[in-house]
Amino acid sequence: MNQESGPHSNLQHWLSFFCSSGVTKSSLGVINPLTAEEACGFLGCMVIETGEPELENLDVIEAGSGAGRGAMQYTGVRRSAYDEARLQAIAEGIDPNSNSWQQQYFAEEYAGLHDPPQGSLIGWTRVFEDRPSGMDSAAAAAYWTGSAAAAEGYFRPGTPHLERRQAEAQRIWGLLQGGELVLPPAGG
């Protein structure tokens, strides 16, 4: 079965991106490839952030008060930078809902390419450089989530919904373990 076009094609696209040199290239060398467990944890967070179990609609606007937008639900100054890049993409005929654009923006934002003069939007956290080793998918979901109150993690939500994030991370891990998702070839 071709995972890139199967029922989990978007999850597969993101898993391949996170677990390959694609994330490193897109982030200009800042983000090293994630382990399968780290990637499943991150994907579980993305599912809860977007409300999309298969990550099918990524340029979504949060229904709640934060009005986050995009695959990572960018808010505040991060949302302003996202909106600017989104409008530029549309002007260039690029679909901001595509996996490839969302992945490129995510990596560029972390690498600092969309930072305002005031300073880093998210790269200052060093959450990708300082991640602990040996996390399973549930621990990775907790690590990536963090919280706004503790000023930790990548997503930093006001209400973490950690149990839901961990359940999604474990669901995606199960898809990988069951062969419905596959890891990219080593060095890919």
N, C-alpha and C. Protein backbone atom coordinates (compact mmCIF):
# COMPACT_ATOMS: atom_id res chain seq x y z
N MET A 1 0.84 -1.19 0.00
CA MET A 1 0.00 0.00 0.00
C MET A 1 0.88 1.24 0.00
N ASN A 2 0.51 2.23 -0.77
CA ASN A 2 1.23 3.49 -0.83
C ASN A 2 0.74 4.40 0.30
N GLN A 3 1.54 4.56 1.34
CA GLN A 3 1.12 5.35 2.49
C GLN A 3 0.91 6.82 2.16
N GLU A 4 1.59 7.32 1.13
CA GLU A 4 1.47 8.73 0.79
C GLU A 4 0.09 9.06 0.21
N SER A 5 -0.68 8.06 -0.22
CA SER A 5 -2.00 8.34 -0.77
C SER A 5 -3.09 7.53 -0.07
N GLY A 6 -2.77 6.86 1.01
CA GLY A 6 -3.74 6.04 1.73
C GLY A 6 -4.62 6.86 2.65
N PRO A 7 -5.36 6.18 3.53
CA PRO A 7 -6.29 6.87 4.43
C PRO A 7 -5.59 7.78 5.44
N HIS A 8 -4.32 7.56 5.66
CA HIS A 8 -3.56 8.38 6.62
C HIS A 8 -2.48 9.19 5.90
N SER A 9 -2.75 9.61 4.68
CA SER A 9 -1.71 10.24 3.86
C SER A 9 -1.14 11.51 4.48
N ASN A 10 -1.97 12.33 5.12
CA ASN A 10 -1.44 13.55 5.73
C ASN A 10 -0.59 13.24 6.95
N LEU A 11 -1.05 12.30 7.77
CA LEU A 11 -0.23 11.88 8.92
C LEU A 11 1.10 11.32 8.42
N GLN A 12 1.04 10.53 7.36
CA GLN A 12 2.26 9.96 6.79
C GLN A 12 3.20 11.05 6.29
N HIS A 13 2.65 12.05 5.63
CA HIS A 13 3.46 13.15 5.11
C HIS A 13 4.20 13.85 6.23
N TRP A 14 3.50 14.13 7.33
CA TRP A 14 4.12 14.81 8.46
C TRP A 14 5.11 13.91 9.18
N LEU A 15 4.78 12.64 9.36
CA LEU A 15 5.70 11.71 9.99
C LEU A 15 7.00 11.62 9.19
N SER A 16 6.88 11.51 7.89
CA SER A 16 8.07 11.45 7.03
C SER A 16 8.88 12.73 7.13
N PHE A 17 8.21 13.87 7.18
CA PHE A 17 8.90 15.16 7.31
C PHE A 17 9.67 15.24 8.63
N PHE A 18 8.99 14.94 9.73
CA PHE A 18 9.63 15.06 11.05
C PHE A 18 10.76 14.06 11.26
N CYS A 19 10.67 12.88 10.67
CA CYS A 19 11.65 11.81 10.92
C CYS A 19 12.69 11.71 9.82
N SER A 20 12.87 12.76 9.04
CA SER A 20 13.84 12.72 7.95
C SER A 20 14.65 14.01 7.94
N SER A 21 15.56 14.07 7.00
CA SER A 21 16.36 15.28 6.85
C SER A 21 15.52 16.44 6.32
N GLY A 22 14.29 16.19 5.91
CA GLY A 22 13.42 17.26 5.43
C GLY A 22 13.22 18.35 6.46
N VAL A 23 13.02 17.97 7.71
CA VAL A 23 12.83 18.96 8.78
C VAL A 23 14.13 19.73 9.01
N THR A 24 15.26 19.08 8.85
CA THR A 24 16.55 19.74 9.05
C THR A 24 16.81 20.73 7.91
N LYS A 25 16.57 20.31 6.68
CA LYS A 25 16.76 21.20 5.53
C LYS A 25 15.84 22.40 5.61
N SER A 26 14.56 22.16 5.91
CA SER A 26 13.59 23.26 5.96
C SER A 26 13.88 24.24 7.08
N SER A 27 14.49 23.77 8.16
CA SER A 27 14.81 24.64 9.30
C SER A 27 16.24 25.17 9.23
N LEU A 28 16.87 25.02 8.09
CA LEU A 28 18.25 25.50 7.89
C LEU A 28 19.21 24.90 8.91
N GLY A 29 18.98 23.62 9.23
CA GLY A 29 19.87 22.90 10.13
C GLY A 29 19.56 23.03 11.61
N VAL A 30 18.52 23.75 11.95
CA VAL A 30 18.21 23.98 13.36
C VAL A 30 17.54 22.77 14.03
N ILE A 31 16.63 22.11 13.33
CA ILE A 31 15.89 20.98 13.91
C ILE A 31 16.43 19.68 13.34
N ASN A 32 16.96 18.83 14.21
CA ASN A 32 17.39 17.50 13.79
C ASN A 32 16.16 16.60 13.69
N PRO A 33 16.23 15.57 12.85
CA PRO A 33 15.08 14.67 12.72
C PRO A 33 14.62 14.15 14.08
N LEU A 34 13.32 13.98 14.21
CA LEU A 34 12.73 13.46 15.43
C LEU A 34 12.74 11.94 15.39
N THR A 35 12.74 11.34 16.57
CA THR A 35 12.54 9.89 16.65
C THR A 35 11.08 9.62 16.31
N ALA A 36 10.76 8.38 16.04
CA ALA A 36 9.37 8.01 15.76
C ALA A 36 8.46 8.39 16.93
N GLU A 37 8.92 8.14 18.15
CA GLU A 37 8.13 8.46 19.33
C GLU A 37 7.92 9.97 19.47
N GLU A 38 8.98 10.75 19.26
CA GLU A 38 8.86 12.21 19.33
C GLU A 38 7.88 12.72 18.29
N ALA A 39 7.99 12.18 17.08
CA ALA A 39 7.12 12.62 15.99
C ALA A 39 5.66 12.27 16.28
N CYS A 40 5.41 11.07 16.79
CA CYS A 40 4.03 10.69 17.12
C CYS A 40 3.47 11.59 18.21
N GLY A 41 4.31 11.95 19.18
CA GLY A 41 3.87 12.89 20.22
C GLY A 41 3.54 14.26 19.65
N PHE A 42 4.37 14.74 18.74
CA PHE A 42 4.13 16.04 18.12
C PHE A 42 2.86 16.00 17.27
N LEU A 43 2.69 14.92 16.50
CA LEU A 43 1.50 14.77 15.67
C LEU A 43 0.23 14.70 16.52
N GLY A 44 0.31 14.02 17.67
CA GLY A 44 -0.83 13.99 18.58
C GLY A 44 -1.23 15.38 19.04
N CYS A 45 -0.24 16.21 19.30
CA CYS A 45 -0.51 17.61 19.67
C CYS A 45 -1.14 18.37 18.51
N MET A 46 -0.64 18.15 17.31
CA MET A 46 -1.19 18.84 16.14
C MET A 46 -2.66 18.46 15.93
N VAL A 47 -3.00 17.20 16.15
CA VAL A 47 -4.38 16.75 15.99
C VAL A 47 -5.29 17.52 16.96
N ILE A 48 -4.87 17.66 18.21
CA ILE A 48 -5.68 18.38 19.18
C ILE A 48 -5.70 19.87 18.86
N GLU A 49 -4.58 20.42 18.44
CA GLU A 49 -4.53 21.84 18.07
C GLU A 49 -5.49 22.16 16.94
N THR A 50 -5.50 21.34 15.91
CA THR A 50 -6.31 21.63 14.72
C THR A 50 -7.70 21.04 14.79
N GLY A 51 -7.91 20.03 15.63
CA GLY A 51 -9.19 19.33 15.65
C GLY A 51 -9.37 18.40 14.46
N GLU A 52 -8.28 18.07 13.78
CA GLU A 52 -8.30 17.26 12.57
C GLU A 52 -7.56 15.95 12.80
N PRO A 53 -8.27 14.82 13.06
CA PRO A 53 -7.61 13.55 13.36
C PRO A 53 -6.66 13.06 12.27
N GLU A 54 -6.89 13.45 11.03
CA GLU A 54 -6.01 13.04 9.93
C GLU A 54 -5.23 14.22 9.36
N LEU A 55 -5.26 15.35 10.06
CA LEU A 55 -4.56 16.58 9.64
C LEU A 55 -4.93 16.98 8.21
N GLU A 56 -6.22 16.92 7.93
CA GLU A 56 -6.69 17.21 6.57
C GLU A 56 -6.90 18.70 6.31
N ASN A 57 -7.22 19.48 7.31
CA ASN A 57 -7.49 20.90 7.12
C ASN A 57 -6.57 21.67 8.06
N LEU A 58 -5.46 22.13 7.54
CA LEU A 58 -4.42 22.69 8.41
C LEU A 58 -4.49 24.20 8.59
N ASP A 59 -5.04 24.92 7.64
CA ASP A 59 -5.11 26.37 7.75
C ASP A 59 -6.40 26.75 8.45
N VAL A 60 -6.64 26.14 9.60
CA VAL A 60 -7.87 26.35 10.36
C VAL A 60 -7.68 27.47 11.38
N ILE A 61 -8.78 28.10 11.73
CA ILE A 61 -8.76 29.12 12.78
C ILE A 61 -9.44 28.53 14.01
N GLU A 62 -8.78 28.65 15.14
CA GLU A 62 -9.28 28.11 16.40
C GLU A 62 -10.65 28.70 16.73
N ALA A 63 -11.54 27.84 17.15
CA ALA A 63 -12.90 28.28 17.50
C ALA A 63 -12.91 29.04 18.83
N GLY A 64 -11.96 28.78 19.69
CA GLY A 64 -11.93 29.41 21.00
C GLY A 64 -11.41 30.84 20.98
N SER A 65 -11.13 31.35 22.14
CA SER A 65 -10.75 32.75 22.30
C SER A 65 -9.37 33.10 21.77
N GLY A 66 -8.50 32.10 21.63
CA GLY A 66 -7.14 32.40 21.20
C GLY A 66 -7.01 32.74 19.73
N ALA A 67 -7.97 32.32 18.92
CA ALA A 67 -7.97 32.59 17.47
C ALA A 67 -6.67 32.15 16.81
N GLY A 68 -6.12 31.02 17.26
CA GLY A 68 -4.93 30.48 16.63
C GLY A 68 -5.24 30.05 15.20
N ARG A 69 -4.22 30.08 14.35
CA ARG A 69 -4.42 29.69 12.96
C ARG A 69 -3.26 28.82 12.50
N GLY A 70 -3.58 27.89 11.62
CA GLY A 70 -2.56 27.05 11.01
C GLY A 70 -2.36 25.74 11.74
N ALA A 71 -1.48 24.93 11.19
CA ALA A 71 -1.21 23.60 11.74
C ALA A 71 -0.76 23.66 13.19
N MET A 72 -0.07 24.71 13.57
CA MET A 72 0.43 24.83 14.94
C MET A 72 -0.39 25.81 15.77
N GLN A 73 -1.49 26.31 15.20
CA GLN A 73 -2.37 27.24 15.87
C GLN A 73 -1.61 28.44 16.44
N TYR A 74 -0.96 29.15 15.55
CA TYR A 74 -0.19 30.34 15.90
C TYR A 74 -1.12 31.43 16.44
N THR A 75 -0.73 32.06 17.55
CA THR A 75 -1.51 33.14 18.15
C THR A 75 -0.61 34.35 18.39
N GLY A 76 -1.23 35.48 18.72
CA GLY A 76 -0.50 36.69 19.06
C GLY A 76 0.44 37.13 17.96
N VAL A 77 1.69 37.49 18.35
CA VAL A 77 2.66 37.92 17.34
C VAL A 77 3.02 36.78 16.40
N ARG A 78 2.90 35.55 16.87
CA ARG A 78 3.15 34.40 15.98
C ARG A 78 2.06 34.34 14.92
N ARG A 79 0.84 34.70 15.26
CA ARG A 79 -0.26 34.70 14.29
C ARG A 79 -0.05 35.81 13.27
N SER A 80 0.40 36.97 13.68
CA SER A 80 0.64 38.08 12.74
C SER A 80 1.66 37.68 11.69
N ALA A 81 2.75 37.05 12.11
CA ALA A 81 3.79 36.61 11.18
C ALA A 81 3.24 35.52 10.25
N TYR A 82 2.45 34.61 10.80
CA TYR A 82 1.83 33.55 10.00
C TYR A 82 0.91 34.15 8.94
N ASP A 83 0.06 35.09 9.36
CA ASP A 83 -0.88 35.70 8.41
C ASP A 83 -0.15 36.40 7.28
N GLU A 84 0.95 37.07 7.60
CA GLU A 84 1.74 37.76 6.57
C GLU A 84 2.31 36.74 5.57
N ALA A 85 2.89 35.66 6.08
CA ALA A 85 3.46 34.63 5.20
C ALA A 85 2.35 33.94 4.40
N ARG A 86 1.21 33.74 5.01
CA ARG A 86 0.07 33.10 4.34
C ARG A 86 -0.40 33.95 3.16
N LEU A 87 -0.54 35.25 3.38
CA LEU A 87 -0.97 36.14 2.28
C LEU A 87 0.05 36.15 1.15
N GLN A 88 1.33 36.12 1.50
CA GLN A 88 2.39 36.06 0.49
C GLN A 88 2.29 34.76 -0.32
N ALA A 89 2.05 33.65 0.37
CA ALA A 89 1.90 32.36 -0.32
C ALA A 89 0.73 32.41 -1.29
N ILE A 90 -0.40 32.92 -0.84
CA ILE A 90 -1.58 33.02 -1.71
C ILE A 90 -1.28 33.88 -2.93
N ALA A 91 -0.58 35.01 -2.71
CA ALA A 91 -0.22 35.90 -3.82
C ALA A 91 0.67 35.18 -4.84
N GLU A 92 1.44 34.20 -4.36
CA GLU A 92 2.33 33.43 -5.25
C GLU A 92 1.66 32.19 -5.80
N GLY A 93 0.37 32.03 -5.52
CA GLY A 93 -0.37 30.87 -6.03
C GLY A 93 -0.13 29.58 -5.25
N ILE A 94 0.35 29.70 -4.02
CA ILE A 94 0.63 28.53 -3.17
C ILE A 94 -0.54 28.32 -2.23
N ASP A 95 -0.96 27.08 -2.06
CA ASP A 95 -2.05 26.75 -1.16
C ASP A 95 -1.54 26.68 0.28
N PRO A 96 -1.95 27.62 1.16
CA PRO A 96 -1.46 27.60 2.54
C PRO A 96 -2.03 26.43 3.35
N ASN A 97 -2.96 25.70 2.79
CA ASN A 97 -3.51 24.54 3.47
C ASN A 97 -2.71 23.27 3.16
N SER A 98 -1.75 23.36 2.25
CA SER A 98 -0.98 22.19 1.85
C SER A 98 0.01 21.78 2.94
N ASN A 99 0.25 20.48 3.02
CA ASN A 99 1.26 19.99 3.98
C ASN A 99 2.59 20.66 3.75
N SER A 100 3.02 20.75 2.50
CA SER A 100 4.36 21.27 2.22
C SER A 100 4.51 22.72 2.67
N TRP A 101 3.50 23.56 2.45
CA TRP A 101 3.62 24.95 2.89
C TRP A 101 3.60 25.04 4.41
N GLN A 102 2.70 24.29 5.05
CA GLN A 102 2.62 24.31 6.50
C GLN A 102 3.93 23.82 7.12
N GLN A 103 4.53 22.79 6.55
CA GLN A 103 5.80 22.27 7.06
C GLN A 103 6.90 23.29 6.89
N GLN A 104 6.97 23.90 5.72
CA GLN A 104 8.01 24.90 5.46
C GLN A 104 7.86 26.08 6.42
N TYR A 105 6.63 26.55 6.60
CA TYR A 105 6.43 27.69 7.50
C TYR A 105 6.83 27.32 8.93
N PHE A 106 6.38 26.15 9.40
CA PHE A 106 6.72 25.69 10.75
C PHE A 106 8.24 25.72 10.95
N ALA A 107 8.99 25.13 10.02
CA ALA A 107 10.44 25.03 10.14
C ALA A 107 11.10 26.41 10.05
N GLU A 108 10.63 27.22 9.13
CA GLU A 108 11.19 28.58 8.99
C GLU A 108 10.91 29.43 10.22
N GLU A 109 9.70 29.30 10.77
CA GLU A 109 9.36 30.10 11.95
C GLU A 109 10.29 29.71 13.10
N TYR A 110 10.48 28.41 13.31
CA TYR A 110 11.34 27.98 14.40
C TYR A 110 12.78 28.44 14.17
N ALA A 111 13.22 28.43 12.92
CA ALA A 111 14.59 28.86 12.59
C ALA A 111 14.76 30.38 12.65
N GLY A 112 13.68 31.09 12.84
CA GLY A 112 13.78 32.55 13.00
C GLY A 112 13.57 33.36 11.74
N LEU A 113 13.17 32.74 10.65
CA LEU A 113 13.04 33.47 9.39
C LEU A 113 11.82 34.39 9.33
N HIS A 114 10.92 34.27 10.29
CA HIS A 114 9.73 35.13 10.33
C HIS A 114 9.71 36.00 11.58
N ASP A 115 10.84 36.06 12.27
CA ASP A 115 10.91 36.84 13.51
C ASP A 115 10.76 38.33 13.23
N PRO A 116 10.01 39.04 14.09
CA PRO A 116 9.93 40.50 13.98
C PRO A 116 11.20 41.12 14.59
N PRO A 117 11.39 42.42 14.39
CA PRO A 117 12.58 43.07 14.96
C PRO A 117 12.68 42.92 16.49
N GLN A 118 11.55 42.71 17.16
CA GLN A 118 11.55 42.60 18.62
C GLN A 118 12.24 41.34 19.12
N GLY A 119 12.39 40.32 18.28
CA GLY A 119 13.08 39.12 18.71
C GLY A 119 12.42 37.85 18.24
N SER A 120 12.92 36.74 18.73
CA SER A 120 12.50 35.41 18.31
C SER A 120 11.05 35.12 18.68
N LEU A 121 10.34 34.49 17.74
CA LEU A 121 8.95 34.10 17.99
C LEU A 121 8.87 32.82 18.82
N ILE A 122 9.69 31.82 18.51
CA ILE A 122 9.61 30.55 19.24
C ILE A 122 10.97 29.86 19.34
N GLY A 123 11.89 30.11 18.43
CA GLY A 123 13.19 29.45 18.45
C GLY A 123 13.95 29.67 19.74
N TRP A 124 13.69 30.77 20.42
CA TRP A 124 14.37 31.08 21.68
C TRP A 124 14.14 30.00 22.73
N THR A 125 13.07 29.22 22.58
CA THR A 125 12.76 28.18 23.56
C THR A 125 13.74 27.01 23.50
N ARG A 126 14.37 26.82 22.34
CA ARG A 126 15.30 25.72 22.11
C ARG A 126 14.66 24.36 22.41
N VAL A 127 13.34 24.29 22.26
CA VAL A 127 12.61 23.07 22.59
C VAL A 127 13.02 21.89 21.72
N PHE A 128 13.45 22.14 20.50
CA PHE A 128 13.90 21.04 19.64
C PHE A 128 15.35 20.67 19.94
N GLU A 129 16.17 21.65 20.25
CA GLU A 129 17.57 21.37 20.54
C GLU A 129 17.76 20.70 21.90
N ASP A 130 16.93 21.04 22.86
CA ASP A 130 17.11 20.58 24.25
C ASP A 130 16.19 19.42 24.64
N ARG A 131 15.55 18.78 23.67
CA ARG A 131 14.60 17.72 24.02
C ARG A 131 15.32 16.54 24.68
N PRO A 132 14.68 15.97 25.70
CA PRO A 132 15.29 14.82 26.37
C PRO A 132 15.24 13.58 25.48
N SER A 133 16.15 12.69 25.69
CA SER A 133 16.15 11.46 24.89
C SER A 133 15.30 10.39 25.56
N GLY A 134 14.90 9.40 24.78
CA GLY A 134 14.21 8.24 25.31
C GLY A 134 12.74 8.41 25.63
N MET A 135 12.09 9.46 25.11
CA MET A 135 10.67 9.65 25.39
C MET A 135 9.83 8.67 24.57
N ASP A 136 8.75 8.15 25.17
CA ASP A 136 7.76 7.42 24.38
C ASP A 136 6.79 8.47 23.81
N SER A 137 5.81 8.03 23.03
CA SER A 137 4.93 9.00 22.36
C SER A 137 4.13 9.84 23.35
N ALA A 138 3.68 9.26 24.46
CA ALA A 138 2.91 10.01 25.45
C ALA A 138 3.78 11.05 26.16
N ALA A 139 4.99 10.66 26.53
CA ALA A 139 5.92 11.61 27.16
C ALA A 139 6.28 12.72 26.19
N ALA A 140 6.46 12.37 24.93
CA ALA A 140 6.78 13.38 23.91
C ALA A 140 5.62 14.36 23.76
N ALA A 141 4.39 13.86 23.77
CA ALA A 141 3.23 14.75 23.66
C ALA A 141 3.22 15.74 24.83
N ALA A 142 3.52 15.26 26.02
CA ALA A 142 3.57 16.15 27.19
C ALA A 142 4.69 17.17 27.04
N TYR A 143 5.85 16.73 26.58
CA TYR A 143 6.99 17.63 26.39
C TYR A 143 6.66 18.72 25.38
N TRP A 144 6.16 18.34 24.21
CA TRP A 144 5.86 19.34 23.17
C TRP A 144 4.74 20.28 23.61
N THR A 145 3.78 19.78 24.38
CA THR A 145 2.64 20.59 24.81
C THR A 145 3.10 21.71 25.72
N GLY A 146 3.75 21.36 26.83
CA GLY A 146 4.11 22.38 27.80
C GLY A 146 2.88 23.10 28.29
N SER A 147 3.03 24.37 28.64
CA SER A 147 1.87 25.18 29.04
C SER A 147 2.22 26.66 28.97
N ALA A 148 1.20 27.46 28.75
CA ALA A 148 1.40 28.91 28.74
C ALA A 148 1.80 29.38 30.14
N ALA A 149 1.15 28.82 31.16
CA ALA A 149 1.42 29.25 32.54
C ALA A 149 2.86 28.99 32.95
N ALA A 150 3.40 27.83 32.54
CA ALA A 150 4.78 27.48 32.92
C ALA A 150 5.79 27.99 31.91
N ALA A 151 5.33 28.57 30.80
CA ALA A 151 6.22 29.06 29.73
C ALA A 151 7.18 27.96 29.29
N GLU A 152 6.60 26.76 29.07
CA GLU A 152 7.39 25.61 28.63
C GLU A 152 6.72 24.97 27.42
N GLY A 153 7.51 24.19 26.68
CA GLY A 153 6.99 23.45 25.55
C GLY A 153 6.97 24.24 24.27
N TYR A 154 6.47 23.61 23.23
CA TYR A 154 6.36 24.27 21.93
C TYR A 154 4.98 24.90 21.76
N PHE A 155 3.91 24.15 22.07
CA PHE A 155 2.57 24.63 21.82
C PHE A 155 2.08 25.61 22.87
N ARG A 156 2.40 25.39 24.14
CA ARG A 156 2.09 26.31 25.23
C ARG A 156 0.63 26.72 25.31
N PRO A 157 -0.29 25.76 25.32
CA PRO A 157 -1.71 26.14 25.38
C PRO A 157 -2.13 26.63 26.76
N GLY A 158 -3.19 27.44 26.78
CA GLY A 158 -3.76 27.87 28.05
C GLY A 158 -4.38 26.70 28.78
N THR A 159 -5.08 25.84 28.04
CA THR A 159 -5.66 24.60 28.58
C THR A 159 -5.01 23.45 27.84
N PRO A 160 -4.08 22.72 28.47
CA PRO A 160 -3.30 21.71 27.75
C PRO A 160 -4.06 20.52 27.18
N HIS A 161 -5.15 20.07 27.80
CA HIS A 161 -5.84 18.86 27.34
C HIS A 161 -4.83 17.73 27.13
N LEU A 162 -3.94 17.58 28.10
CA LEU A 162 -2.83 16.64 27.97
C LEU A 162 -3.29 15.21 27.72
N GLU A 163 -4.34 14.77 28.41
CA GLU A 163 -4.80 13.39 28.22
C GLU A 163 -5.20 13.16 26.77
N ARG A 164 -5.88 14.13 26.17
CA ARG A 164 -6.31 14.01 24.77
C ARG A 164 -5.10 13.98 23.84
N ARG A 165 -4.13 14.81 24.11
CA ARG A 165 -2.91 14.86 23.28
C ARG A 165 -2.17 13.52 23.36
N GLN A 166 -2.07 13.00 24.57
CA GLN A 166 -1.37 11.73 24.74
C GLN A 166 -2.14 10.58 24.09
N ALA A 167 -3.46 10.61 24.17
CA ALA A 167 -4.27 9.57 23.53
C ALA A 167 -4.07 9.62 22.01
N GLU A 168 -4.03 10.81 21.44
CA GLU A 168 -3.81 10.93 19.99
C GLU A 168 -2.39 10.47 19.62
N ALA A 169 -1.41 10.83 20.44
CA ALA A 169 -0.03 10.40 20.19
C ALA A 169 0.04 8.86 20.19
N GLN A 170 -0.64 8.25 21.14
CA GLN A 170 -0.63 6.79 21.22
C GLN A 170 -1.42 6.16 20.07
N ARG A 171 -2.49 6.82 19.61
CA ARG A 171 -3.23 6.33 18.45
C ARG A 171 -2.32 6.33 17.21
N ILE A 172 -1.59 7.42 17.04
CA ILE A 172 -0.70 7.53 15.87
C ILE A 172 0.45 6.53 16.00
N TRP A 173 0.97 6.35 17.21
CA TRP A 173 2.01 5.35 17.45
C TRP A 173 1.48 3.96 17.06
N GLY A 174 0.23 3.69 17.41
CA GLY A 174 -0.40 2.42 17.06
C GLY A 174 -0.51 2.23 15.54
N LEU A 175 -0.79 3.31 14.83
CA LEU A 175 -0.84 3.24 13.36
C LEU A 175 0.54 2.89 12.80
N LEU A 176 1.57 3.45 13.40
CA LEU A 176 2.94 3.16 12.98
C LEU A 176 3.29 1.71 13.31
N GLN A 177 2.99 1.29 14.51
CA GLN A 177 3.29 -0.08 14.93
C GLN A 177 2.52 -1.11 14.10
N GLY A 178 1.31 -0.73 13.67
CA GLY A 178 0.48 -1.63 12.88
C GLY A 178 0.77 -1.60 11.38
N GLY A 179 1.75 -0.79 10.97
CA GLY A 179 2.12 -0.73 9.57
C GLY A 179 1.26 0.17 8.70
N GLU A 180 0.32 0.88 9.30
CA GLU A 180 -0.50 1.81 8.52
C GLU A 180 0.24 3.10 8.23
N LEU A 181 1.26 3.38 9.03
CA LEU A 181 2.22 4.47 8.78
C LEU A 181 3.60 3.83 8.76
N VAL A 182 4.51 4.42 8.01
CA VAL A 182 5.87 3.89 7.95
C VAL A 182 6.89 5.00 8.13
N LEU A 183 8.02 4.64 8.68
CA LEU A 183 9.10 5.60 8.83
C LEU A 183 9.82 5.76 7.49
N PRO A 184 10.36 6.94 7.23
CA PRO A 184 11.13 7.11 6.00
C PRO A 184 12.42 6.31 6.08
N PRO A 185 13.05 6.00 4.95
CA PRO A 185 14.33 5.29 4.99
C PRO A 185 15.35 6.10 5.77
N ALA A 186 16.24 5.44 6.47
CA ALA A 186 17.28 6.13 7.24
C ALA A 186 18.05 7.06 6.32
N GLY A 187 18.30 8.27 6.82
CA GLY A 187 19.04 9.26 6.03
C GLY A 187 18.18 9.96 5.00
N GLY A 188 16.85 9.68 5.00
CA GLY A 188 15.95 10.22 4.00
C GLY A 188 15.61 11.64 4.12
